[in-house]
Amino acid sequence: MSIFDKMKQGAAEAAKAAQQTMETARLKSQVALRQRDISRLKKEIGDAVFAAYMKDDMAASHEAAHRLCQRIVSAQGQIDQLEQRIRALKALKACATCGREADHEARYCPDCGAPFPEEGVLPALQLEGQVHVLCGRCKAENRLDAKRCTRCGSELASWQ
């Protein structure tokens, strides 16, 4: 491979990384907007309930609160989808039990040890330049902050 081919490959990889970074930032911005919407809707619920209280008609606030709660649930669903897309861009998945993010290859949560479903296995990630802890049982590389092995679920030795 010539020096120009290497430069071309490096430039292509840098462009891809920049594009992923921009897409992640865009998605995070959308998450922040939805979170602000949720905060605003919660305030509206409080305002509606208080206004109904002041009119001594709490039944009137029920319908308004219900409608606003539905909008909050919808916004939260949108946030969940956006966060799932962010994890996909970063090649991560979230634990259904504790919410901790882990590498897409992980079989077990590095925090609580819950097993990940086997479906949707993604290609392997490169681990160059990162510090990892080896599992004493299966010898898998785990992130330094992992409490449990992502491959076999065994508890990792603590150096603290």
Foldseek 3Di string as FASTA:
>chain_A
DDPVVVVVVVVVVVVLVVVLVVLLVVLVVLLVVLVVLLVVLVVVLVVLCVVCVVVVHNVRSPVVNVVSVVSNVVSVVVSVVSVVVNCVSVQWDADPPPGDIAHLQFQAALEPLHGDDPPDRDDDDDPPPADFDAAPPPRDTHHPPGQAGRHPSHGGDDPD
